[in-house]
Protein backbone atom coordinates (compact mmCIF):
# COMPACT_ATOMS: atom_id res chain seq x y z
CA MET A 1 -5.65 14.32 -26.37
CA GLU A 2 -2.74 16.13 -24.24
CA HIS A 3 -3.26 17.35 -20.90
CA SER A 4 -0.35 19.39 -19.36
CA ALA A 5 0.29 20.82 -15.90
CA ASP A 6 3.25 21.57 -13.63
CA ILE A 7 2.54 18.43 -11.64
CA LEU A 8 0.85 15.14 -12.36
CA VAL A 9 -0.52 13.16 -9.39
CA MET A 10 -1.60 9.63 -9.96
CA GLY A 11 -3.89 8.30 -7.02
CA SER A 12 -6.32 10.04 -4.70
CA GLY A 13 -5.62 8.32 -1.34
CA LEU A 14 -4.29 10.22 1.57
CA ALA A 15 -0.72 10.31 -0.15
CA GLY A 16 -1.92 11.79 -3.42
CA LEU A 17 -4.54 14.29 -1.94
CA SER A 18 -2.37 15.74 0.70
CA TYR A 19 0.50 16.13 -1.70
CA ALA A 20 -1.88 17.79 -4.36
CA LEU A 21 -3.12 20.23 -1.72
CA LYS A 22 0.38 21.15 -0.68
CA VAL A 23 1.77 21.77 -4.20
CA ALA A 24 -1.38 23.36 -5.51
CA ASP A 25 -0.29 26.69 -3.73
CA PHE A 26 2.52 27.17 -6.21
CA ALA A 27 1.72 24.72 -9.16
CA THR A 28 -0.99 23.56 -11.52
CA VAL A 29 -1.82 20.05 -10.83
CA ASN A 30 -3.63 17.26 -12.74
CA LEU A 31 -4.79 14.66 -10.53
CA VAL A 32 -5.93 11.18 -12.06
CA THR A 33 -7.56 8.48 -10.16
CA LYS A 34 -8.71 4.98 -11.52
CA ARG A 35 -12.32 5.19 -10.14
CA GLY A 36 -14.10 7.81 -8.06
CA LEU A 37 -11.99 10.43 -6.13
CA THR A 38 -12.70 8.73 -2.77
CA GLU A 39 -12.60 5.09 -3.83
CA THR A 40 -9.43 4.33 -2.15
CA SER A 41 -7.71 2.16 0.53
CA THR A 42 -7.37 5.17 2.76
CA ARG A 43 -11.07 5.47 2.79
CA MET A 44 -11.35 1.88 4.18
CA ALA A 45 -8.68 2.39 6.89
CA GLN A 46 -10.34 1.91 10.21
CA GLY A 47 -7.67 1.89 12.86
CA GLY A 48 -6.19 5.30 12.71
CA ILE A 49 -2.78 7.16 12.57
CA ALA A 50 0.08 6.57 14.99
CA ALA A 51 1.58 9.76 16.59
CA VAL A 52 3.39 10.55 19.84
CA LEU A 53 0.66 12.58 21.69
CA GLY A 54 0.16 10.96 25.00
CA ALA A 55 1.68 12.26 28.17
CA ASP A 56 3.42 8.87 28.73
CA ASP A 57 4.72 8.61 25.28
CA ARG A 58 8.13 9.62 23.67
CA PHE A 59 9.57 9.76 20.10
CA GLU A 60 12.12 7.32 21.19
CA TYR A 61 9.45 4.74 22.23
CA HIS A 62 7.65 4.98 18.88
CA ILE A 63 10.87 4.70 16.99
CA GLN A 64 11.84 1.70 18.96
CA ASP A 65 8.56 0.06 18.41
CA THR A 66 8.85 0.68 14.68
CA LEU A 67 12.41 -0.69 14.51
CA THR A 68 11.40 -3.77 16.60
CA VAL A 69 8.50 -4.73 14.34
CA GLY A 70 10.43 -3.97 11.19
CA GLU A 71 12.77 -7.00 12.13
CA GLY A 72 16.25 -5.35 11.39
CA LEU A 73 15.27 -3.86 7.99
CA THR A 74 13.64 -0.59 9.08
CA HIS A 75 15.99 2.35 8.26
CA PRO A 76 16.62 4.10 11.73
CA ASP A 77 16.97 7.56 10.01
CA VAL A 78 13.57 7.26 8.28
CA ALA A 79 11.96 5.91 11.43
CA ALA A 80 13.11 8.90 13.23
CA LEU A 81 11.99 11.31 10.60
CA VAL A 82 8.60 9.95 10.25
CA VAL A 83 7.97 9.70 13.91
CA ARG A 84 9.13 13.14 14.84
CA GLN A 85 7.01 14.83 12.13
CA GLY A 86 3.83 12.94 13.34
CA PRO A 87 2.38 15.60 15.76
CA GLU A 88 2.85 18.35 13.22
CA ARG A 89 1.25 16.39 10.44
CA ILE A 90 -1.65 15.51 12.64
CA LYS A 91 -2.02 19.15 13.54
CA GLU A 92 -2.35 20.03 9.74
CA LEU A 93 -5.13 17.48 9.28
CA VAL A 94 -7.00 18.92 12.21
CA SER A 95 -6.58 22.55 10.88
CA LEU A 96 -8.08 21.39 7.48
CA GLY A 97 -11.13 20.22 9.58
CA ALA A 98 -10.56 16.59 10.25
CA HIS A 99 -12.35 15.41 13.30
CA PHE A 100 -10.89 12.80 15.68
CA ASP A 101 -12.38 11.26 18.84
CA GLU A 102 -11.50 13.36 21.75
CA GLY A 103 -9.98 12.30 25.03
CA ALA A 104 -7.51 13.53 27.68
CA ASP A 105 -4.14 13.39 25.79
CA ASN A 106 -3.63 16.48 23.94
CA GLY A 107 -7.46 16.50 23.24
CA PHE A 108 -7.34 13.02 21.69
CA ASP A 109 -8.67 9.64 22.60
CA LEU A 110 -5.69 7.49 22.02
CA GLY A 111 -5.96 3.80 20.96
CA ARG A 112 -3.35 0.90 21.17
CA GLU A 113 -2.69 -1.66 18.54
CA GLY A 114 -0.24 -4.65 18.05
CA GLY A 115 3.45 -3.99 18.49
CA HIS A 116 2.84 -0.51 20.08
CA SER A 117 4.20 -0.01 23.73
CA ARG A 118 1.98 2.95 24.40
CA ARG A 119 -1.41 4.32 23.43
CA ARG A 120 -0.82 6.61 20.42
CA ILE A 121 -3.48 5.80 17.78
CA ILE A 122 -5.63 8.77 17.04
CA HIS A 123 -8.97 7.76 15.39
CA ALA A 124 -12.41 8.81 14.23
CA HIS A 125 -14.30 5.93 15.87
CA ASP A 126 -13.36 2.89 13.35
CA MET A 127 -13.61 5.08 10.16
CA THR A 128 -10.48 7.09 10.50
CA GLY A 129 -9.61 6.75 6.84
CA ALA A 130 -13.12 7.95 5.73
CA GLU A 131 -12.76 10.99 7.81
CA VAL A 132 -9.37 11.85 6.48
CA GLU A 133 -10.41 11.11 2.81
CA ARG A 134 -13.45 13.27 3.28
CA ILE A 135 -11.87 16.43 4.34
CA LEU A 136 -8.96 16.25 1.75
CA ALA A 137 -11.19 15.32 -0.99
CA GLU A 138 -13.34 18.33 -0.17
CA LYS A 139 -10.28 20.75 -0.25
CA VAL A 140 -8.86 19.18 -3.36
CA LEU A 141 -12.24 19.71 -5.27
CA ALA A 142 -12.34 23.19 -4.10
CA HIS A 143 -8.81 24.16 -5.13
CA PRO A 144 -8.75 26.26 -8.47
CA ASN A 145 -5.20 24.97 -9.31
CA ILE A 146 -6.24 21.14 -9.18
CA GLN A 147 -8.08 19.44 -11.93
CA VAL A 148 -9.36 16.00 -11.11
CA PHE A 149 -9.76 13.26 -13.77
CA GLU A 150 -11.76 10.37 -12.17
CA ASN A 151 -11.98 7.05 -14.13
CA HIS A 152 -8.56 7.50 -15.68
CA MET A 153 -5.90 4.91 -15.18
CA GLY A 154 -2.25 4.98 -15.93
CA VAL A 155 -0.90 2.88 -18.75
CA ASN A 156 2.74 3.74 -18.83
CA LEU A 157 5.08 6.47 -17.61
CA ILE A 158 6.64 8.48 -20.23
CA THR A 159 10.40 8.77 -20.02
CA GLU A 160 13.45 10.01 -21.94
CA GLU A 161 16.87 9.13 -21.50
CA ARG A 162 19.23 12.02 -20.60
CA VAL A 163 23.00 11.94 -21.43
CA VAL A 164 25.02 13.32 -18.40
CA ARG A 165 28.50 14.67 -19.67
CA ARG A 166 31.57 15.81 -17.93
CA GLY A 167 33.67 17.57 -20.45
CA ARG A 168 33.29 15.58 -23.61
CA SER A 169 32.86 12.37 -21.82
CA VAL A 170 29.36 10.55 -21.17
CA VAL A 171 29.55 9.75 -17.52
CA ASN A 172 25.99 8.56 -17.18
CA ARG A 173 22.76 8.05 -18.85
CA GLU A 174 19.66 8.62 -16.66
CA ALA A 175 15.93 8.51 -17.23
CA ASN A 176 13.71 11.56 -16.86
CA CYS A 177 9.90 11.38 -16.31
CA LEU A 178 7.87 13.58 -18.62
CA GLY A 179 4.39 12.36 -17.32
CA ALA A 180 2.30 9.37 -18.25
CA TYR A 181 -0.06 7.72 -20.89
CA VAL A 182 -3.49 7.41 -19.29
CA LEU A 183 -6.55 5.36 -20.28
CA ASN A 184 -9.85 7.21 -20.08
CA CYS A 185 -11.83 4.29 -18.76
CA LEU A 186 -15.22 5.70 -19.99
CA SER A 187 -14.11 6.66 -23.55
CA GLY A 188 -11.41 3.98 -24.15
CA GLU A 189 -9.02 6.67 -25.51
CA VAL A 190 -5.44 6.81 -24.24
CA ASP A 191 -4.54 10.46 -23.35
CA THR A 192 -1.09 12.06 -22.85
CA PHE A 193 -0.70 13.78 -19.46
CA SER A 194 2.76 15.79 -19.54
CA ALA A 195 4.23 17.27 -16.43
CA ALA A 196 7.48 18.61 -15.05
CA ILE A 197 7.01 16.38 -11.92
CA THR A 198 4.97 13.23 -11.53
CA LEU A 199 4.03 11.71 -8.27
CA LEU A 200 2.83 7.93 -7.95
CA ALA A 201 0.38 7.51 -5.11
CA THR A 202 -1.39 4.69 -6.67
CA GLY A 203 -1.60 2.35 -3.37
CA GLY A 204 -1.08 -1.32 -2.93
CA VAL A 205 -1.23 -4.68 -4.60
CA GLY A 206 -3.69 -6.66 -2.51
CA LYS A 207 -5.70 -7.76 -5.61
CA VAL A 208 -2.76 -10.05 -6.64
CA TYR A 209 -4.05 -12.39 -3.94
CA LEU A 210 -7.28 -14.34 -3.85
CA TYR A 211 -8.25 -13.03 -0.45
CA THR A 212 -7.54 -9.37 0.46
CA SER A 213 -8.83 -6.68 2.54
CA ASN A 214 -8.11 -4.18 -0.24
CA PRO A 215 -10.49 -2.61 -2.60
CA ASP A 216 -10.74 -3.74 -6.20
CA ILE A 217 -8.42 -0.91 -7.37
CA ALA A 218 -5.38 -2.29 -5.53
CA THR A 219 -3.71 -3.87 -8.49
CA GLY A 220 0.01 -2.75 -8.16
CA ASP A 221 -0.41 -0.16 -11.05
CA GLY A 222 2.20 2.31 -9.82
CA VAL A 223 4.87 -0.44 -8.95
CA ALA A 224 4.37 -2.18 -12.32
CA MET A 225 4.57 1.13 -14.29
CA ALA A 226 7.60 2.38 -12.42
CA TYR A 227 9.34 -1.07 -12.90
CA ARG A 228 8.63 -0.97 -16.72
CA ALA A 229 10.05 2.51 -16.79
CA GLY A 230 13.43 1.58 -15.11
CA ALA A 231 12.68 2.30 -11.29
CA VAL A 232 14.32 0.32 -8.60
CA ILE A 233 11.70 -1.89 -6.70
CA GLY A 234 12.41 -3.12 -3.27
CA ASN A 235 11.19 -5.67 -0.52
CA MET A 236 8.14 -6.86 -2.43
CA GLU A 237 8.50 -10.28 -0.53
CA PHE A 238 7.15 -8.66 2.45
CA VAL A 239 3.32 -8.71 2.04
CA GLN A 240 1.49 -8.04 5.20
CA PHE A 241 -1.47 -10.31 5.92
CA HIS A 242 -4.05 -8.78 8.08
CA PRO A 243 -4.93 -11.40 10.51
CA THR A 244 -8.69 -10.75 10.88
CA CYS A 245 -10.99 -10.26 7.86
CA LEU A 246 -14.61 -11.05 8.43
CA TYR A 247 -15.23 -14.56 7.32
CA HIS A 248 -18.73 -14.78 5.92
CA PRO A 249 -19.90 -15.99 2.41
CA ASP A 250 -21.60 -12.82 1.63
CA ALA A 251 -18.85 -10.43 2.87
CA LYS A 252 -16.30 -9.11 0.74
CA ASN A 253 -13.10 -7.38 1.77
CA PHE A 254 -14.30 -6.35 5.15
CA LEU A 255 -11.63 -5.75 7.66
CA ILE A 256 -11.85 -6.15 11.42
CA SER A 257 -9.67 -3.66 12.77
CA GLU A 258 -6.60 -4.38 14.88
CA ALA A 259 -7.91 -1.92 17.35
CA LEU A 260 -10.42 -4.39 18.69
CA ARG A 261 -7.51 -6.44 20.11
CA GLY A 262 -6.09 -3.17 21.46
CA GLU A 263 -9.29 -2.84 23.39
CA GLY A 264 -9.22 -6.29 24.75
CA ALA A 265 -10.59 -8.69 22.13
CA VAL A 266 -9.27 -12.18 22.21
CA LEU A 267 -8.60 -14.69 19.37
CA ARG A 268 -10.31 -18.07 20.05
CA ASP A 269 -10.34 -21.40 18.18
CA ARG A 270 -13.46 -23.15 17.45
CA ARG A 271 -13.62 -24.61 20.80
CA GLY A 272 -13.55 -21.14 22.38
CA GLU A 273 -9.98 -21.42 23.70
CA ALA A 274 -7.71 -18.45 23.54
CA PHE A 275 -4.54 -19.45 21.65
CA MET A 276 -2.25 -16.52 21.20
CA GLU A 277 -0.45 -17.05 24.44
CA LYS A 278 1.16 -20.14 22.82
CA TYR A 279 2.87 -17.86 20.17
CA HIS A 280 3.96 -14.51 21.71
CA PRO A 281 4.34 -12.92 25.28
CA LEU A 282 2.12 -10.06 23.98
CA LYS A 283 -0.67 -12.63 23.22
CA ASP A 284 -3.30 -10.88 21.18
CA LEU A 285 -1.19 -7.76 20.83
CA ALA A 286 1.57 -9.44 19.03
CA PRO A 287 2.69 -7.90 15.69
CA ARG A 288 0.54 -8.84 12.72
CA ASP A 289 3.03 -11.31 11.16
CA THR A 290 2.97 -13.34 14.35
CA VAL A 291 -0.71 -13.18 14.63
CA ALA A 292 -1.46 -14.04 10.92
CA ARG A 293 1.06 -17.06 11.13
CA ALA A 294 -0.54 -18.29 14.38
CA ILE A 295 -4.01 -18.17 12.90
CA ASP A 296 -2.80 -20.04 9.73
CA LEU A 297 -1.16 -22.77 11.77
CA GLU A 298 -4.43 -23.17 14.03
CA LEU A 299 -6.60 -23.55 10.84
CA LYS A 300 -4.21 -26.07 9.42
CA LYS A 301 -3.90 -28.15 12.61
CA SER A 302 -7.77 -28.11 13.28
CA GLY A 303 -9.15 -28.06 9.53
CA ALA A 304 -11.42 -25.30 10.58
CA ASP A 305 -12.53 -22.65 8.17
CA CYS A 306 -11.89 -19.69 10.53
CA VAL A 307 -10.93 -18.66 14.03
CA TYR A 308 -12.97 -16.21 16.27
CA LEU A 309 -12.22 -12.62 17.51
CA ASP A 310 -14.20 -12.08 20.77
CA ILE A 311 -14.90 -8.73 22.24
CA SER A 312 -18.18 -9.73 23.73
CA GLN A 313 -16.81 -9.40 27.17
CA GLY A 314 -16.45 -5.64 26.87
CA PRO A 315 -19.26 -3.27 27.86
CA PRO A 316 -21.75 -3.26 25.04
CA ASP A 317 -22.11 0.58 25.17
CA PHE A 318 -18.34 0.95 24.78
CA VAL A 319 -18.18 -1.56 21.98
CA THR A 320 -20.87 0.04 19.89
CA HIS A 321 -19.54 3.56 20.43
CA ARG A 322 -15.97 2.81 19.79
CA PHE A 323 -16.46 0.63 16.68
CA PRO A 324 -19.91 1.61 15.25
CA ASN A 325 -19.01 0.73 11.69
CA ILE A 326 -17.75 -2.67 12.59
CA TYR A 327 -20.77 -3.28 14.70
CA GLN A 328 -23.28 -2.16 12.05
CA GLU A 329 -21.42 -4.23 9.28
CA CYS A 330 -21.34 -7.37 11.22
CA LEU A 331 -24.91 -6.89 12.22
CA LYS A 332 -25.86 -7.07 8.40
CA PHE A 333 -24.55 -10.62 8.49
CA GLY A 334 -26.46 -11.55 11.67
CA ILE A 335 -23.47 -11.22 13.95
CA ASP A 336 -23.88 -9.08 17.12
CA ILE A 337 -20.32 -8.47 18.37
CA THR A 338 -21.59 -7.43 21.81
CA LYS A 339 -22.85 -10.91 22.40
CA GLU A 340 -20.82 -13.29 20.07
CA PRO A 341 -17.33 -13.66 18.54
CA ILE A 342 -16.64 -12.78 14.99
CA PRO A 343 -15.45 -15.44 12.61
CA VAL A 344 -12.17 -14.17 10.94
CA VAL A 345 -9.46 -15.25 8.62
CA PRO A 346 -6.05 -13.58 7.52
CA ALA A 347 -6.18 -11.72 4.02
CA ALA A 348 -3.47 -9.87 2.09
CA HIS A 349 -3.62 -6.39 3.43
CA TYR A 350 -0.47 -4.14 2.92
CA MET A 351 2.71 -4.22 0.89
CA CYS A 352 5.74 -2.93 2.77
CA GLY A 353 7.89 -3.05 -0.29
CA GLY A 354 7.27 -0.85 -3.46
CA VAL A 355 9.11 1.63 -5.62
CA LYS A 356 12.34 2.60 -3.69
CA THR A 357 12.64 6.35 -2.78
CA ASP A 358 14.93 8.56 -0.69
CA ALA A 359 13.73 10.66 2.35
CA PHE A 360 12.04 12.98 -0.05
CA GLY A 361 10.08 10.44 -2.18
CA ARG A 362 12.52 10.59 -4.97
CA THR A 363 13.07 7.58 -7.13
CA ASN A 364 15.96 6.82 -9.26
CA ILE A 365 14.12 8.25 -12.29
CA SER A 366 14.47 12.11 -12.39
CA HIS A 367 11.36 14.00 -11.59
CA LEU A 368 9.48 10.76 -10.57
CA PHE A 369 8.31 10.48 -6.95
CA ALA A 370 6.52 7.84 -5.13
CA VAL A 371 4.65 8.30 -1.83
CA GLY A 372 2.31 6.08 0.23
CA GLU A 373 1.88 2.30 -0.08
CA VAL A 374 3.27 2.37 -3.53
CA SER A 375 6.68 3.18 -2.25
CA MET A 376 9.47 1.59 -0.29
CA THR A 377 10.97 4.37 1.87
CA GLY A 378 12.67 2.15 4.45
CA LEU A 379 10.01 2.73 7.24
CA HIS A 380 8.39 -0.40 7.30
CA GLY A 381 11.29 -3.01 6.76
CA ALA A 382 10.17 -6.60 7.03
CA ASN A 383 6.79 -5.80 8.73
CA ARG A 384 4.76 -2.61 9.20
CA LEU A 385 3.85 -1.38 12.50
CA ALA A 386 0.08 -0.76 12.92
CA SER A 387 -1.15 2.61 11.89
CA ASN A 388 2.20 3.75 10.71
CA SER A 389 0.98 3.62 7.13
CA LEU A 390 -1.18 6.71 7.03
CA LEU A 391 1.56 8.52 9.05
CA GLU A 392 4.19 7.63 6.35
CA ALA A 393 1.80 9.07 3.67
CA LEU A 394 1.40 12.26 5.49
CA VAL A 395 5.05 12.71 6.26
CA PHE A 396 6.50 11.78 2.80
CA SER A 397 3.81 13.89 1.02
CA HIS A 398 5.01 16.72 2.95
CA GLN A 399 8.69 15.86 2.13
CA ALA A 400 8.11 15.59 -1.52
CA ALA A 401 6.10 18.90 -1.64
CA GLN A 402 9.12 20.61 -0.15
CA VAL A 403 11.27 19.22 -3.00
CA ALA A 404 8.66 20.21 -5.69
CA LYS A 405 8.55 23.88 -4.21
CA GLU A 406 12.35 24.11 -4.50
CA ASP A 407 12.64 22.49 -7.81
CA LEU A 408 9.73 23.66 -9.89
CA PRO A 409 10.89 27.14 -10.73
CA GLY A 410 13.71 25.61 -12.74
CA LEU A 411 11.45 22.99 -14.56
CA LYS A 412 8.76 23.42 -17.08
CA PRO A 413 6.36 20.82 -18.46
CA PRO A 414 7.20 19.46 -21.81
CA ALA A 415 6.06 21.80 -24.65
CA GLY A 416 2.93 21.06 -26.51
CA GLY A 417 3.61 18.19 -28.98
CA ALA A 418 6.98 17.22 -27.45
CA VAL A 419 5.67 14.11 -26.04
CA PRO A 420 4.47 11.60 -28.83
CA GLU A 421 0.79 10.61 -28.66
CA TRP A 422 -0.16 7.21 -27.84
CA ASN A 423 0.10 4.81 -30.79
CA PRO A 424 -2.15 1.53 -30.58
CA TYR A 425 0.15 -0.03 -33.57
CA GLY A 426 -2.90 -1.35 -35.38
CA ALA A 427 -4.46 -3.18 -32.24
CA THR A 428 -8.14 -4.25 -32.57
CA ASP A 429 -11.00 -4.83 -30.30
CA SER A 430 -10.89 -8.19 -28.43
CA GLU A 431 -13.83 -10.47 -28.21
CA GLU A 432 -12.02 -12.84 -25.89
CA ALA A 433 -12.48 -11.27 -22.43
CA VAL A 434 -12.62 -14.64 -20.96
CA VAL A 435 -8.77 -14.69 -21.52
CA VAL A 436 -8.42 -11.78 -19.19
CA SER A 437 -10.64 -13.08 -16.54
CA HIS A 438 -9.20 -16.61 -16.47
CA ASN A 439 -5.51 -15.36 -16.16
CA TRP A 440 -6.70 -12.99 -13.48
CA ASP A 441 -8.13 -15.71 -11.56
CA GLU A 442 -5.22 -18.06 -12.15
CA ILE A 443 -2.67 -15.44 -10.86
CA ARG A 444 -4.60 -14.76 -7.62
CA ARG A 445 -5.09 -18.37 -6.80
CA CYS A 446 -1.49 -19.13 -7.50
CA MET A 447 -0.23 -16.52 -5.29
CA TRP A 448 -2.59 -17.49 -2.56
CA ASN A 449 -1.66 -21.14 -2.62
CA TYR A 450 2.08 -20.80 -3.23
CA VAL A 451 3.36 -17.27 -2.10
CA GLY A 452 1.17 -16.86 1.00
CA ILE A 453 1.59 -16.51 4.70
CA VAL A 454 4.01 -19.59 4.75
CA ARG A 455 6.21 -20.38 1.71
CA THR A 456 8.74 -23.06 0.74
CA ASP A 457 11.20 -22.74 -2.20
CA ARG A 458 9.30 -25.52 -4.07
CA ARG A 459 6.03 -23.70 -3.89
CA LEU A 460 7.76 -20.50 -5.02
CA LEU A 461 9.45 -22.22 -7.96
CA ARG A 462 6.05 -23.59 -8.98
CA ALA A 463 4.43 -20.17 -8.87
CA GLN A 464 7.37 -18.63 -10.85
CA HIS A 465 6.78 -21.15 -13.60
CA ARG A 466 3.11 -20.36 -13.72
CA ILE A 467 3.45 -16.72 -13.63
CA ASP A 468 6.15 -16.79 -16.47
CA LEU A 469 3.78 -18.63 -18.82
CA ILE A 470 0.90 -16.21 -18.01
CA LYS A 471 3.14 -13.17 -18.60
CA GLN A 472 4.01 -14.42 -21.99
CA GLU A 473 0.37 -14.92 -22.99
CA ILE A 474 -0.46 -11.40 -21.46
CA GLN A 475 2.24 -9.77 -23.46
CA GLU A 476 0.96 -11.31 -26.84
CA TYR A 477 -2.57 -10.21 -25.93
CA TYR A 478 -1.55 -6.74 -24.95
CA TRP A 479 0.05 -5.71 -28.37
CA ASN A 480 -2.65 -7.41 -30.48
CA PHE A 481 -5.86 -5.82 -28.92
CA LEU A 482 -6.96 -2.27 -27.99
CA ILE A 483 -6.30 -1.45 -24.25
CA THR A 484 -8.87 -1.95 -21.60
CA SER A 485 -8.61 -1.27 -17.88
CA ASP A 486 -9.20 -5.04 -17.26
CA LEU A 487 -6.17 -5.92 -19.45
CA LEU A 488 -3.97 -3.08 -17.84
CA GLU A 489 -4.80 -4.37 -14.36
CA LEU A 490 -4.06 -8.06 -15.42
CA ARG A 491 -0.72 -7.00 -16.89
CA ASN A 492 0.02 -5.17 -13.74
CA ILE A 493 -0.91 -7.90 -11.30
CA ALA A 494 1.17 -10.31 -13.33
CA THR A 495 4.30 -8.01 -13.12
CA VAL A 496 3.80 -7.56 -9.31
CA ALA A 497 3.39 -11.23 -8.66
CA ASP A 498 6.58 -11.82 -10.59
CA LEU A 499 8.46 -9.26 -8.47
CA ILE A 500 7.11 -10.74 -5.22
CA ILE A 501 8.14 -14.29 -6.25
CA ARG A 502 11.63 -13.34 -7.39
CA MET A 503 12.33 -11.43 -4.35
CA ALA A 504 11.01 -14.08 -2.19
CA LEU A 505 13.24 -16.74 -3.81
CA ARG A 506 16.24 -14.48 -3.37
CA ARG A 507 15.78 -14.05 0.53
CA LYS A 508 16.96 -17.51 2.00
CA GLU A 509 15.76 -16.84 5.46
CA SER A 510 12.70 -16.08 7.51
CA ARG A 511 12.20 -12.56 8.70
CA GLY A 512 9.20 -10.50 9.41
CA LEU A 513 6.38 -11.06 6.85
CA HIS A 514 8.59 -13.48 4.80
CA TYR A 515 8.37 -16.97 6.38
CA ASN A 516 9.83 -19.80 4.48
CA LEU A 517 9.80 -23.32 6.04
CA ASP A 518 13.06 -24.22 4.16
CA TYR A 519 14.98 -21.43 6.07
CA PRO A 520 12.96 -20.82 9.24
CA GLN A 521 15.70 -18.88 11.06
CA ARG A 522 16.56 -15.17 10.58
CA ASP A 523 19.97 -14.71 9.01
CA ASP A 524 21.51 -11.42 9.87
CA GLN A 525 24.88 -12.24 8.48
CA ASN A 526 23.74 -12.66 4.89
CA PHE A 527 20.11 -10.99 4.61
CA SER A 528 20.07 -7.99 6.85
CA HIS A 529 19.68 -5.64 3.90
CA ASP A 530 16.96 -4.59 1.45
CA THR A 531 16.06 -6.76 -1.71
CA LEU A 532 16.50 -4.31 -4.62
CA LEU A 533 15.63 -5.02 -8.22
CA SER A 534 15.31 -2.89 -11.56
CA PRO A 535 14.87 -4.12 -15.10
CA GLU A 536 18.63 -4.01 -15.31
CA GLY A 537 18.99 -6.66 -12.56
CA TRP A 538 19.57 -6.87 -8.86
CA GLN A 539 20.79 -3.85 -7.11
CA ASP A 540 23.50 -3.12 -4.28
CA ALA A 541 21.32 -2.52 -1.18
CA GLY A 542 24.35 -0.73 0.29
């Protein structure tokens, strides 16, 4: 079946929903999402959105904090663009009906998180993402120009090669995106979604690791699809491990927000001793990469299974009011955070790399855009400043929508039948699902053991060897059997794992989230640039 619209949006987190709402005023939109509309990483975001709203804050301060945490790879022009748009984008959310905690500064209660020099995090208690997702989903479902396709997963982008001529000479050949082949996860059919403009807002890659704060959907689908189509991918070696995920045998993927440390929580070892003062002048408010490595080192030195995050010294009423979701969730596991510390461990949390874009979300493939965690805009550099991610999604959704408004009058979706239907090439049903589950588990364990918080070239090469073998097995399996969502996700995490490993091997230094024991120092002379790769090979970062 073919579905046609002016614009195809893939993903329903903050980036996809806010973009869809903006462009739906002048275009028809098909929005596809892998699970339910609100089953996203956005919905799980606890901390908030960083923006300059406080009386003692300045754009320059927020920009400098972003550059400092980005360890020399954040693009200054992009940081300035995002930070300066922050207040206006927040105002838009409020006008849609989003509710944030109230306080003195411009009406907002502003929190502080690691790496920030001022209080500038607006929040809805500790459920900011859920509040933002709620209001955006409500507006999207009510808009007559947006059709939502739940339980639909991208298979491949559809591209054509265009020849660019100057006179009679061919000066360039460029790819043009026509939409995507999309699996209906309920029927098993692969449908054709054609569009004049396609936007990837498919989120992150956390499920490539054994332990992650991400939901099950975070399998790097957008990065993998874009790479297969010829897009430039950048900085995949910079995987942010959140320092504090709840450690409990019955808990799955539950994040303990950095905002707790912003409100005075202290990290302690199993003896109850605070340890962050040994690693950074900001102690428990140090940037995430420093905190995650410190915890990793403490665990390796002591042999303990976890460390502890202690906010029990705070007034109980304040703790339960400021962090009601975390309080209730921990209580389910017998932990009263007003009286005892929370057992925590680091977990894969956020990908600072992704599909390379310009300041308007454009990729190197014509009419293909990428926004949100799937993208590499240049904002995060080697490490993301806390609560800059939702801000980035808001700003770049706005930027990309402005381009769509300008370009769409001159574009049309491919005519009906112009895009070939999906061809399964005689593939049959598989009765060997164990192959998929085994390879899935092996990739995730391999990445956690060898490509985690602390790396060495030997570990990376070992991981590369294993992933190469698994990729070959997946490729044979992919063409022989009918597609399922499990198989697609396996193929995608294998592609993403390969990209992370190759880029990590190429960066012979330690910077931000990439820490290699073989090269423990930062090397500005040779590596103060982005790591960029496409199927054609390594790209010039300049």
